[in-house]
Amino acid sequence: MQEKEAPRTVVLIAAAPSEGPAKDAIACAEAALACGDATYLYLYDEGVLLADCEPVQRLASRGVPIYACFESCRRGRVEIRSETVLLSGLVSLAGLIAACDRLEAFT
């Protein structure tokens, strides 16, 4: 008998780091991991400012792939210094959403 694949969850963060939704998004990603979900984090708009923060890096150290929107970084002149964050486009986000069972968006 084939083992059932873990549910896949994408957590999209478009909120600024100082806003409540950004903190809620990190908690959501942590909860998805705790439930055994394969979890992905996509940083968009002001959410790219979270790329180098400790909670996001902690998620990365636990195996969560972290993506940051290239265009959001370019517009906001945000330089991603972390080697654990992959710069990508919205096509990558669309692919993640299509392949996942659940999307949680925090704006």
Protein backbone atom coordinates (compact mmCIF):
# COMPACT_ATOMS: atom_id res chain seq x y z
CA MET A 1 0.00 0.00 0.00
CA GLN A 2 1.31 3.43 -0.96
CA GLU A 3 1.85 5.95 1.85
CA LYS A 4 -0.36 9.03 1.63
CA GLU A 5 1.49 12.23 0.76
CA ALA A 6 1.45 15.02 3.35
CA PRO A 7 -0.86 17.95 2.61
CA ARG A 8 0.93 20.91 1.04
CA THR A 9 0.38 24.47 2.28
CA VAL A 10 1.54 27.75 0.77
CA VAL A 11 1.70 30.73 3.12
CA LEU A 12 1.77 34.04 1.23
CA ILE A 13 2.94 37.11 3.14
CA ALA A 14 2.37 40.52 1.55
CA ALA A 15 2.16 42.46 4.83
CA ALA A 16 4.94 44.60 6.28
CA PRO A 17 6.95 43.02 9.11
CA SER A 18 5.54 45.44 11.68
CA GLU A 19 1.94 44.53 10.89
CA GLY A 20 -0.09 41.88 12.72
CA PRO A 21 -0.81 39.79 9.61
CA ALA A 22 2.92 39.15 9.11
CA LYS A 23 3.19 37.69 12.62
CA ASP A 24 0.01 35.68 12.03
CA ALA A 25 1.47 34.31 8.79
CA ILE A 26 4.60 33.05 10.55
CA ALA A 27 2.40 31.40 13.18
CA CYS A 28 0.30 29.83 10.41
CA ALA A 29 3.41 28.38 8.73
CA GLU A 30 4.63 27.01 12.07
CA ALA A 31 1.21 25.44 12.71
CA ALA A 32 1.16 23.85 9.25
CA LEU A 33 4.59 22.34 9.93
CA ALA A 34 3.43 21.07 13.32
CA CYS A 35 0.51 19.32 11.58
CA GLY A 36 2.93 17.58 9.23
CA ASP A 37 2.15 19.65 6.14
CA ALA A 38 4.78 20.24 3.51
CA THR A 39 4.94 24.03 3.91
CA TYR A 40 6.12 26.75 1.52
CA LEU A 41 6.52 30.46 2.27
CA TYR A 42 6.18 33.09 -0.46
CA LEU A 43 7.11 36.71 0.34
CA TYR A 44 5.43 39.34 -1.80
CA ASP A 45 5.09 43.14 -1.78
CA GLU A 46 6.19 44.41 1.67
CA GLY A 47 6.52 40.82 2.86
CA VAL A 48 9.94 40.65 1.17
CA LEU A 49 11.23 42.74 4.08
CA LEU A 50 10.85 39.60 6.22
CA ALA A 51 13.39 37.57 4.21
CA ASP A 52 16.29 38.04 6.58
CA CYS A 53 14.31 38.08 9.83
CA GLU A 54 14.86 35.44 12.49
CA PRO A 55 11.39 33.80 12.36
CA VAL A 56 11.63 33.28 8.59
CA GLN A 57 15.17 31.94 8.88
CA ARG A 58 14.00 29.58 11.63
CA LEU A 59 11.36 28.22 9.23
CA ALA A 60 14.03 27.79 6.56
CA SER A 61 16.21 25.85 9.00
CA ARG A 62 13.25 23.51 9.54
CA GLY A 63 13.11 22.77 5.80
CA VAL A 64 10.51 25.29 4.65
CA PRO A 65 11.36 26.58 1.16
CA ILE A 66 11.28 30.39 1.22
CA TYR A 67 10.58 32.35 -1.96
CA ALA A 68 10.73 36.13 -2.41
CA CYS A 69 9.17 37.95 -5.34
CA PHE A 70 11.93 39.40 -7.48
CA GLU A 71 9.78 42.31 -8.69
CA SER A 72 8.76 43.24 -5.14
CA CYS A 73 12.43 43.30 -4.15
CA ARG A 74 13.34 45.41 -7.16
CA ARG A 75 10.53 47.93 -6.59
CA GLY A 76 11.28 48.26 -2.89
CA ARG A 77 15.05 48.19 -3.41
CA VAL A 78 15.29 45.26 -1.01
CA GLU A 79 18.47 43.23 -1.15
CA ILE A 80 18.05 39.62 -0.05
CA ARG A 81 21.17 38.59 1.83
CA SER A 82 20.00 35.17 2.96
CA GLU A 83 21.14 32.15 0.97
CA THR A 84 18.02 30.29 2.10
CA VAL A 85 15.64 32.62 0.23
CA LEU A 86 15.06 31.99 -3.47
CA LEU A 87 14.21 34.97 -5.67
CA SER A 88 11.36 34.06 -7.99
CA GLY A 89 8.51 35.47 -10.01
CA LEU A 90 4.77 35.21 -9.81
CA VAL A 91 4.86 32.24 -12.18
CA SER A 92 6.60 30.33 -9.37
CA LEU A 93 3.84 31.38 -6.97
CA ALA A 94 1.20 30.19 -9.44
CA GLY A 95 2.99 26.83 -9.68
CA LEU A 96 3.13 26.50 -5.90
CA ILE A 97 -0.56 27.30 -5.59
CA ALA A 98 -1.48 24.80 -8.30
CA ALA A 99 0.56 22.05 -6.62
CA CYS A 100 -0.65 22.70 -3.08
CA ASP A 101 -3.77 21.74 -1.18
CA ARG A 102 -4.15 24.97 0.77
CA LEU A 103 -3.23 28.64 0.37
CA GLU A 104 -3.14 31.01 3.32
CA ALA A 105 -2.66 34.67 2.35
CA PHE A 106 -1.77 37.46 4.77
CA THR A 107 -1.95 40.98 3.37
